[in-house]
């Protein structure tokens, strides 16, 4: 992930949202499916799980977070009646459908605690990309080990 590109994209997104600008053609980096982020946005706050999901989806749609063509990164939140927990899913569609998942973490561990707005969103995008890269590395190592064992 290019941090400068991500920071510019998030700045455009937040400014557009804060001033109530139309998300349409007003900014080429802001799409109609972007999350409602503000300068004081804190992703660990109750009810912000959907914003995190939209953030990751929009970052992929707008080319801020990129990866192999047949791979889609998703954020999953589970409300356990307490603070809830999350994990990242990596859905591979080709050559066959496969979904890989990170271990679950408490929502308080999402991104960098005590950050808000752009810095919080950047930390989540970094975490998501690291999780996706780790899952792909683990899959690659698994396949290589399976091949070397003859099965």
N, C-alpha and C. Protein backbone atom coordinates (compact mmCIF):
# COMPACT_ATOMS: atom_id res chain seq x y z
N UNK A 1 0.85 -1.18 0.00
CA UNK A 1 0.00 0.00 0.00
C UNK A 1 0.89 1.24 0.00
N UNK A 2 0.55 2.17 -0.84
CA UNK A 2 1.26 3.44 -0.90
C UNK A 2 0.63 4.37 0.15
N UNK A 3 1.38 4.67 1.22
CA UNK A 3 0.84 5.49 2.31
C UNK A 3 0.46 6.89 1.85
N UNK A 4 1.25 7.48 0.95
CA UNK A 4 0.95 8.83 0.47
C UNK A 4 -0.37 8.85 -0.31
N UNK A 5 -0.54 7.88 -1.19
CA UNK A 5 -1.79 7.77 -1.94
C UNK A 5 -2.96 7.55 -0.99
N UNK A 6 -2.79 6.66 -0.01
CA UNK A 6 -3.86 6.38 0.95
C UNK A 6 -4.20 7.62 1.77
N UNK A 7 -3.19 8.36 2.20
CA UNK A 7 -3.42 9.58 2.98
C UNK A 7 -4.18 10.62 2.14
N UNK A 8 -3.78 10.80 0.89
CA UNK A 8 -4.48 11.74 0.01
C UNK A 8 -5.93 11.32 -0.20
N UNK A 9 -6.14 10.03 -0.45
CA UNK A 9 -7.48 9.50 -0.66
C UNK A 9 -8.35 9.73 0.57
N UNK A 10 -7.80 9.42 1.75
CA UNK A 10 -8.55 9.60 3.00
C UNK A 10 -8.83 11.08 3.27
N UNK A 11 -7.86 11.94 2.97
CA UNK A 11 -8.08 13.38 3.16
C UNK A 11 -9.22 13.86 2.28
N UNK A 12 -9.22 13.46 1.01
CA UNK A 12 -10.32 13.83 0.11
C UNK A 12 -11.65 13.29 0.62
N UNK A 13 -11.64 12.07 1.06
CA UNK A 13 -12.86 11.43 1.56
C UNK A 13 -13.41 12.18 2.77
N UNK A 14 -12.56 12.44 3.74
CA UNK A 14 -13.01 13.08 4.98
C UNK A 14 -13.45 14.51 4.74
N UNK A 15 -12.68 15.25 3.95
CA UNK A 15 -13.06 16.63 3.66
C UNK A 15 -14.40 16.67 2.93
N UNK A 16 -14.57 15.80 1.94
CA UNK A 16 -15.83 15.76 1.21
C UNK A 16 -16.99 15.43 2.14
N UNK A 17 -16.78 14.49 3.04
CA UNK A 17 -17.85 14.11 3.96
C UNK A 17 -18.14 15.24 4.96
N UNK A 18 -17.07 15.85 5.50
CA UNK A 18 -17.24 16.90 6.52
C UNK A 18 -17.98 18.11 5.97
N UNK A 19 -17.72 18.48 4.71
CA UNK A 19 -18.38 19.67 4.17
C UNK A 19 -19.69 19.34 3.45
N UNK A 20 -20.04 18.05 3.45
CA UNK A 20 -21.30 17.63 2.86
C UNK A 20 -21.31 17.63 1.36
N UNK A 21 -20.13 17.52 0.75
CA UNK A 21 -20.03 17.52 -0.71
C UNK A 21 -20.55 16.21 -1.28
N UNK A 22 -21.12 16.29 -2.48
CA UNK A 22 -21.60 15.11 -3.18
C UNK A 22 -20.42 14.19 -3.50
N UNK A 23 -20.56 12.88 -3.21
CA UNK A 23 -19.48 11.93 -3.44
C UNK A 23 -19.32 11.55 -4.91
N UNK A 24 -20.18 12.01 -5.78
CA UNK A 24 -20.12 11.63 -7.19
C UNK A 24 -18.84 12.02 -7.88
N UNK A 25 -18.93 12.85 -8.90
CA UNK A 25 -17.78 13.21 -9.72
C UNK A 25 -16.94 14.32 -9.10
N UNK A 26 -17.27 14.79 -7.90
CA UNK A 26 -16.55 15.91 -7.30
C UNK A 26 -15.09 15.59 -7.03
N UNK A 27 -14.78 14.35 -6.76
CA UNK A 27 -13.40 13.95 -6.53
C UNK A 27 -13.17 12.59 -7.14
N UNK A 28 -12.16 12.45 -7.99
CA UNK A 28 -11.94 11.16 -8.63
C UNK A 28 -11.53 10.06 -7.65
N UNK A 29 -11.11 10.41 -6.44
CA UNK A 29 -10.67 9.40 -5.49
C UNK A 29 -11.75 9.04 -4.48
N UNK A 30 -12.91 9.66 -4.56
CA UNK A 30 -13.99 9.40 -3.61
C UNK A 30 -15.16 8.80 -4.37
N UNK A 31 -15.58 7.61 -3.99
CA UNK A 31 -16.68 6.95 -4.69
C UNK A 31 -17.97 7.02 -3.87
N UNK A 32 -19.04 6.57 -4.47
CA UNK A 32 -20.34 6.58 -3.81
C UNK A 32 -20.43 5.56 -2.68
N UNK A 33 -19.47 4.66 -2.60
CA UNK A 33 -19.52 3.58 -1.60
C UNK A 33 -18.52 3.78 -0.48
N UNK A 34 -18.03 4.99 -0.30
CA UNK A 34 -17.05 5.24 0.74
C UNK A 34 -17.73 5.42 2.09
N UNK A 35 -17.01 5.12 3.14
CA UNK A 35 -17.60 5.20 4.48
C UNK A 35 -17.73 6.65 4.96
N UNK A 36 -18.64 6.89 5.88
CA UNK A 36 -18.84 8.23 6.41
C UNK A 36 -17.81 8.55 7.50
N UNK A 37 -16.59 8.85 7.10
CA UNK A 37 -15.52 9.12 8.05
C UNK A 37 -15.41 10.62 8.30
N UNK A 38 -15.10 10.97 9.54
CA UNK A 38 -14.88 12.36 9.92
C UNK A 38 -13.49 12.48 10.56
N UNK A 39 -13.07 13.71 10.79
CA UNK A 39 -11.74 13.95 11.37
C UNK A 39 -11.60 13.29 12.74
N UNK A 40 -12.68 13.18 13.49
CA UNK A 40 -12.62 12.60 14.83
C UNK A 40 -13.09 11.15 14.86
N UNK A 41 -13.19 10.50 13.70
CA UNK A 41 -13.67 9.12 13.63
C UNK A 41 -12.79 8.19 14.44
N UNK A 42 -13.42 7.38 15.27
CA UNK A 42 -12.71 6.39 16.08
C UNK A 42 -13.33 5.02 15.78
N UNK A 43 -12.60 4.16 15.08
CA UNK A 43 -13.17 2.90 14.61
C UNK A 43 -13.56 1.92 15.71
N UNK A 44 -13.03 2.08 16.90
CA UNK A 44 -13.37 1.16 17.98
C UNK A 44 -14.68 1.52 18.67
N UNK A 45 -15.24 2.68 18.34
CA UNK A 45 -16.51 3.10 18.95
C UNK A 45 -17.63 2.15 18.54
N UNK A 46 -18.59 1.92 19.43
CA UNK A 46 -19.72 1.06 19.08
C UNK A 46 -20.44 1.58 17.83
N UNK A 47 -20.78 0.65 16.95
CA UNK A 47 -21.51 0.99 15.75
C UNK A 47 -20.64 1.38 14.56
N UNK A 48 -19.33 1.42 14.72
CA UNK A 48 -18.44 1.82 13.63
C UNK A 48 -17.94 0.64 12.79
N UNK A 49 -18.40 -0.56 13.11
CA UNK A 49 -17.95 -1.75 12.36
C UNK A 49 -18.27 -1.65 10.88
N UNK A 50 -19.46 -1.13 10.57
CA UNK A 50 -19.85 -0.99 9.17
C UNK A 50 -18.93 0.00 8.44
N UNK A 51 -18.51 1.04 9.14
CA UNK A 51 -17.60 2.01 8.53
C UNK A 51 -16.26 1.38 8.20
N UNK A 52 -15.79 0.49 9.08
CA UNK A 52 -14.52 -0.21 8.81
C UNK A 52 -14.68 -1.11 7.59
N UNK A 53 -15.78 -1.83 7.53
CA UNK A 53 -16.05 -2.69 6.38
C UNK A 53 -16.07 -1.87 5.10
N UNK A 54 -16.78 -0.74 5.11
CA UNK A 54 -16.87 0.13 3.94
C UNK A 54 -15.51 0.73 3.58
N UNK A 55 -14.72 1.07 4.59
CA UNK A 55 -13.38 1.62 4.36
C UNK A 55 -12.52 0.64 3.57
N UNK A 56 -12.48 -0.59 3.99
CA UNK A 56 -11.65 -1.59 3.32
C UNK A 56 -12.17 -1.88 1.91
N UNK A 57 -13.47 -1.98 1.77
CA UNK A 57 -14.05 -2.22 0.45
C UNK A 57 -13.77 -1.06 -0.50
N UNK A 58 -13.97 0.17 -0.02
CA UNK A 58 -13.74 1.35 -0.85
C UNK A 58 -12.27 1.50 -1.23
N UNK A 59 -11.38 1.19 -0.30
CA UNK A 59 -9.94 1.28 -0.58
C UNK A 59 -9.55 0.33 -1.71
N UNK A 60 -10.17 -0.83 -1.76
CA UNK A 60 -9.91 -1.77 -2.85
C UNK A 60 -10.55 -1.29 -4.15
N UNK A 61 -11.80 -0.86 -4.07
CA UNK A 61 -12.52 -0.39 -5.25
C UNK A 61 -11.82 0.80 -5.90
N UNK A 62 -11.30 1.70 -5.09
CA UNK A 62 -10.66 2.91 -5.60
C UNK A 62 -9.17 2.74 -5.89
N UNK A 63 -8.65 1.52 -5.71
CA UNK A 63 -7.26 1.24 -6.06
C UNK A 63 -6.23 1.70 -5.04
N UNK A 64 -6.66 2.02 -3.84
CA UNK A 64 -5.74 2.43 -2.78
C UNK A 64 -5.07 1.20 -2.18
N UNK A 65 -5.81 0.14 -2.04
CA UNK A 65 -5.29 -1.17 -1.61
C UNK A 65 -5.46 -2.10 -2.80
N UNK A 66 -4.36 -2.65 -3.26
CA UNK A 66 -4.39 -3.51 -4.43
C UNK A 66 -3.83 -4.89 -4.10
N UNK A 67 -4.16 -5.84 -4.94
CA UNK A 67 -3.68 -7.20 -4.77
C UNK A 67 -3.92 -7.98 -6.03
N UNK A 68 -3.69 -9.27 -5.97
CA UNK A 68 -3.95 -10.10 -7.15
C UNK A 68 -5.40 -9.98 -7.60
N UNK A 69 -5.61 -10.13 -8.89
CA UNK A 69 -6.93 -9.94 -9.51
C UNK A 69 -8.03 -10.79 -8.88
N UNK A 70 -7.77 -12.02 -8.57
CA UNK A 70 -8.80 -12.95 -8.09
C UNK A 70 -8.88 -13.00 -6.57
N UNK A 71 -8.41 -11.96 -5.88
CA UNK A 71 -8.37 -11.95 -4.42
C UNK A 71 -9.11 -10.73 -3.89
N UNK A 72 -9.97 -10.94 -2.89
CA UNK A 72 -10.74 -9.86 -2.29
C UNK A 72 -10.56 -9.91 -0.78
N UNK A 73 -10.20 -8.80 -0.19
CA UNK A 73 -10.00 -8.68 1.25
C UNK A 73 -11.26 -8.14 1.89
N UNK A 74 -11.68 -8.77 2.99
CA UNK A 74 -12.89 -8.33 3.68
C UNK A 74 -12.64 -8.23 5.18
N UNK A 75 -13.46 -7.40 5.82
CA UNK A 75 -13.43 -7.22 7.27
C UNK A 75 -14.70 -7.86 7.82
N UNK A 76 -14.54 -8.67 8.86
CA UNK A 76 -15.71 -9.32 9.47
C UNK A 76 -15.75 -8.97 10.95
N UNK A 77 -16.89 -8.49 11.40
CA UNK A 77 -17.10 -8.16 12.81
C UNK A 77 -18.15 -9.09 13.38
N UNK A 78 -17.90 -9.58 14.57
CA UNK A 78 -18.86 -10.45 15.25
C UNK A 78 -19.22 -9.80 16.59
N UNK A 79 -20.51 -9.52 16.75
CA UNK A 79 -21.01 -8.95 18.00
C UNK A 79 -21.26 -10.09 18.97
N UNK A 80 -20.46 -10.15 20.00
CA UNK A 80 -20.58 -11.23 20.97
C UNK A 80 -21.33 -10.80 22.23
N UNK A 81 -21.99 -9.65 22.18
CA UNK A 81 -22.73 -9.16 23.33
C UNK A 81 -21.85 -8.36 24.27
N UNK A 82 -20.55 -8.37 24.03
CA UNK A 82 -19.59 -7.59 24.81
C UNK A 82 -19.02 -6.54 23.87
N UNK A 83 -17.73 -6.43 23.77
CA UNK A 83 -17.14 -5.44 22.86
C UNK A 83 -17.11 -5.92 21.41
N UNK A 84 -17.18 -7.22 21.20
CA UNK A 84 -17.12 -7.79 19.86
C UNK A 84 -15.70 -8.07 19.43
N UNK A 85 -15.58 -8.78 18.35
CA UNK A 85 -14.26 -9.09 17.81
C UNK A 85 -14.31 -9.07 16.29
N UNK A 86 -13.13 -9.04 15.69
CA UNK A 86 -13.03 -8.92 14.24
C UNK A 86 -11.95 -9.85 13.71
N UNK A 87 -12.01 -10.03 12.39
CA UNK A 87 -10.95 -10.73 11.68
C UNK A 87 -11.00 -10.30 10.22
N UNK A 88 -9.93 -10.59 9.51
CA UNK A 88 -9.87 -10.29 8.09
C UNK A 88 -10.03 -11.59 7.32
N UNK A 89 -10.77 -11.52 6.24
CA UNK A 89 -10.98 -12.67 5.36
C UNK A 89 -10.36 -12.36 4.01
N UNK A 90 -9.72 -13.35 3.44
CA UNK A 90 -9.15 -13.23 2.11
C UNK A 90 -9.86 -14.25 1.24
N UNK A 91 -10.66 -13.75 0.32
CA UNK A 91 -11.46 -14.63 -0.54
C UNK A 91 -10.78 -14.73 -1.90
N UNK A 92 -10.37 -15.93 -2.26
CA UNK A 92 -9.73 -16.20 -3.54
C UNK A 92 -10.77 -16.86 -4.43
N UNK A 93 -10.93 -16.35 -5.66
CA UNK A 93 -11.98 -16.88 -6.54
C UNK A 93 -11.45 -17.78 -7.64
N UNK A 94 -10.15 -17.67 -7.98
CA UNK A 94 -9.60 -18.45 -9.08
C UNK A 94 -8.29 -19.08 -8.65
N UNK A 95 -8.02 -20.31 -8.93
CA UNK A 95 -8.69 -21.22 -9.85
C UNK A 95 -9.91 -21.90 -9.23
N UNK A 96 -10.03 -21.82 -7.90
CA UNK A 96 -11.22 -22.35 -7.24
C UNK A 96 -11.49 -21.45 -6.03
N UNK A 97 -12.70 -21.46 -5.54
CA UNK A 97 -13.07 -20.60 -4.43
C UNK A 97 -12.44 -21.09 -3.13
N UNK A 98 -11.79 -20.16 -2.43
CA UNK A 98 -11.14 -20.47 -1.16
C UNK A 98 -11.17 -19.22 -0.30
N UNK A 99 -11.53 -19.36 0.97
CA UNK A 99 -11.51 -18.24 1.89
C UNK A 99 -10.56 -18.55 3.03
N UNK A 100 -9.64 -17.64 3.28
CA UNK A 100 -8.68 -17.74 4.37
C UNK A 100 -9.05 -16.68 5.40
N UNK A 101 -8.77 -16.95 6.68
CA UNK A 101 -9.13 -16.00 7.74
C UNK A 101 -8.01 -15.84 8.74
N UNK A 102 -7.86 -14.62 9.24
CA UNK A 102 -6.92 -14.38 10.33
C UNK A 102 -7.57 -14.85 11.63
N UNK A 103 -6.79 -14.91 12.68
CA UNK A 103 -7.35 -15.18 13.99
C UNK A 103 -8.19 -13.99 14.42
N UNK A 104 -9.19 -14.22 15.24
CA UNK A 104 -10.05 -13.14 15.72
C UNK A 104 -9.34 -12.34 16.81
N UNK A 105 -9.63 -11.05 16.82
CA UNK A 105 -9.08 -10.12 17.82
C UNK A 105 -10.23 -9.31 18.41
N UNK A 106 -10.07 -8.87 19.64
CA UNK A 106 -11.05 -7.96 20.23
C UNK A 106 -11.04 -6.64 19.46
N UNK A 107 -12.19 -6.03 19.30
CA UNK A 107 -12.30 -4.81 18.51
C UNK A 107 -11.41 -3.70 19.06
N UNK A 108 -11.10 -3.73 20.32
CA UNK A 108 -10.22 -2.71 20.91
C UNK A 108 -8.81 -2.78 20.33
N UNK A 109 -8.46 -3.91 19.71
CA UNK A 109 -7.13 -4.09 19.12
C UNK A 109 -7.06 -3.62 17.67
N UNK A 110 -8.16 -3.17 17.11
CA UNK A 110 -8.21 -2.77 15.71
C UNK A 110 -7.39 -1.52 15.46
N UNK A 111 -6.50 -1.59 14.48
CA UNK A 111 -5.68 -0.43 14.13
C UNK A 111 -4.77 -0.03 15.28
N UNK A 112 -4.49 1.25 15.36
CA UNK A 112 -3.68 1.79 16.46
C UNK A 112 -4.60 2.45 17.46
N UNK A 113 -4.64 1.93 18.68
CA UNK A 113 -5.48 2.57 19.71
C UNK A 113 -5.08 4.03 19.90
N UNK A 114 -6.00 4.83 20.35
CA UNK A 114 -5.78 6.25 20.63
C UNK A 114 -5.49 7.09 19.39
N UNK A 115 -5.92 6.62 18.21
CA UNK A 115 -5.84 7.43 17.01
C UNK A 115 -7.26 7.67 16.52
N UNK A 116 -7.41 8.68 15.70
CA UNK A 116 -8.72 8.97 15.14
C UNK A 116 -8.55 9.52 13.73
N UNK A 117 -9.65 9.62 13.02
CA UNK A 117 -9.65 10.21 11.69
C UNK A 117 -8.72 9.51 10.71
N UNK A 118 -7.93 10.30 10.01
CA UNK A 118 -7.05 9.78 8.97
C UNK A 118 -6.05 8.78 9.54
N UNK A 119 -5.45 9.08 10.67
CA UNK A 119 -4.44 8.17 11.24
C UNK A 119 -5.06 6.83 11.62
N UNK A 120 -6.28 6.85 12.16
CA UNK A 120 -6.96 5.60 12.50
C UNK A 120 -7.26 4.79 11.25
N UNK A 121 -7.75 5.46 10.23
CA UNK A 121 -8.08 4.78 8.97
C UNK A 121 -6.82 4.21 8.32
N UNK A 122 -5.73 4.98 8.31
CA UNK A 122 -4.47 4.48 7.75
C UNK A 122 -3.98 3.25 8.50
N UNK A 123 -4.09 3.28 9.82
CA UNK A 123 -3.61 2.13 10.61
C UNK A 123 -4.44 0.88 10.31
N UNK A 124 -5.73 1.06 10.06
CA UNK A 124 -6.58 -0.08 9.71
C UNK A 124 -6.21 -0.62 8.34
N UNK A 125 -6.00 0.27 7.38
CA UNK A 125 -5.61 -0.19 6.05
C UNK A 125 -4.27 -0.91 6.08
N UNK A 126 -3.33 -0.38 6.85
CA UNK A 126 -2.03 -1.07 6.99
C UNK A 126 -2.21 -2.46 7.59
N UNK A 127 -3.01 -2.54 8.65
CA UNK A 127 -3.26 -3.83 9.30
C UNK A 127 -3.92 -4.81 8.34
N UNK A 128 -4.88 -4.32 7.57
CA UNK A 128 -5.58 -5.19 6.61
C UNK A 128 -4.62 -5.72 5.55
N UNK A 129 -3.76 -4.86 5.03
CA UNK A 129 -2.79 -5.28 4.01
C UNK A 129 -1.80 -6.27 4.60
N UNK A 130 -1.32 -6.02 5.80
CA UNK A 130 -0.41 -6.97 6.45
C UNK A 130 -1.08 -8.31 6.67
N UNK A 131 -2.33 -8.30 7.08
CA UNK A 131 -3.08 -9.55 7.29
C UNK A 131 -3.22 -10.31 5.98
N UNK A 132 -3.57 -9.61 4.91
CA UNK A 132 -3.73 -10.26 3.60
C UNK A 132 -2.41 -10.85 3.13
N UNK A 133 -1.33 -10.09 3.27
CA UNK A 133 -0.02 -10.60 2.85
C UNK A 133 0.39 -11.82 3.67
N UNK A 134 0.12 -11.82 4.97
CA UNK A 134 0.44 -12.97 5.81
C UNK A 134 -0.37 -14.19 5.39
N UNK A 135 -1.65 -14.01 5.11
CA UNK A 135 -2.49 -15.13 4.69
C UNK A 135 -2.00 -15.71 3.36
N UNK A 136 -1.62 -14.85 2.43
CA UNK A 136 -1.10 -15.33 1.14
C UNK A 136 0.23 -16.06 1.33
N UNK A 137 1.07 -15.55 2.21
CA UNK A 137 2.35 -16.21 2.49
C UNK A 137 2.11 -17.59 3.11
N UNK A 138 1.19 -17.67 4.06
CA UNK A 138 0.88 -18.95 4.69
C UNK A 138 0.33 -19.94 3.68
N UNK A 139 -0.52 -19.48 2.79
CA UNK A 139 -1.07 -20.35 1.75
C UNK A 139 0.05 -20.85 0.84
N UNK A 140 0.94 -19.96 0.45
CA UNK A 140 2.06 -20.33 -0.42
C UNK A 140 2.95 -21.37 0.25
N UNK A 141 3.25 -21.17 1.52
CA UNK A 141 4.08 -22.12 2.26
C UNK A 141 3.38 -23.47 2.40
N UNK A 142 2.07 -23.45 2.61
CA UNK A 142 1.31 -24.68 2.72
C UNK A 142 1.36 -25.46 1.40
N UNK A 143 1.14 -24.76 0.29
CA UNK A 143 1.16 -25.42 -1.02
C UNK A 143 2.55 -25.97 -1.30
N UNK A 144 3.58 -25.19 -1.03
CA UNK A 144 4.95 -25.64 -1.27
C UNK A 144 5.29 -26.88 -0.43
N UNK A 145 4.87 -26.88 0.83
CA UNK A 145 5.12 -28.03 1.69
C UNK A 145 4.35 -29.25 1.22
N UNK A 146 3.13 -29.04 0.76
CA UNK A 146 2.32 -30.16 0.26
C UNK A 146 2.94 -30.78 -0.99
N UNK A 147 3.44 -29.94 -1.86
CA UNK A 147 4.08 -30.42 -3.10
C UNK A 147 5.36 -31.17 -2.79
N UNK A 148 6.15 -30.64 -1.87
CA UNK A 148 7.43 -31.27 -1.54
C UNK A 148 7.23 -32.63 -0.85
N UNK A 149 6.09 -32.82 -0.23
CA UNK A 149 5.78 -34.12 0.43
C UNK A 149 5.10 -35.08 -0.52
N UNK A 150 4.88 -34.60 -1.74
CA UNK A 150 4.27 -35.48 -2.75
C UNK A 150 2.76 -35.57 -2.64
N UNK A 151 2.11 -34.59 -2.08
CA UNK A 151 0.66 -34.71 -1.98
C UNK A 151 0.01 -33.44 -1.94
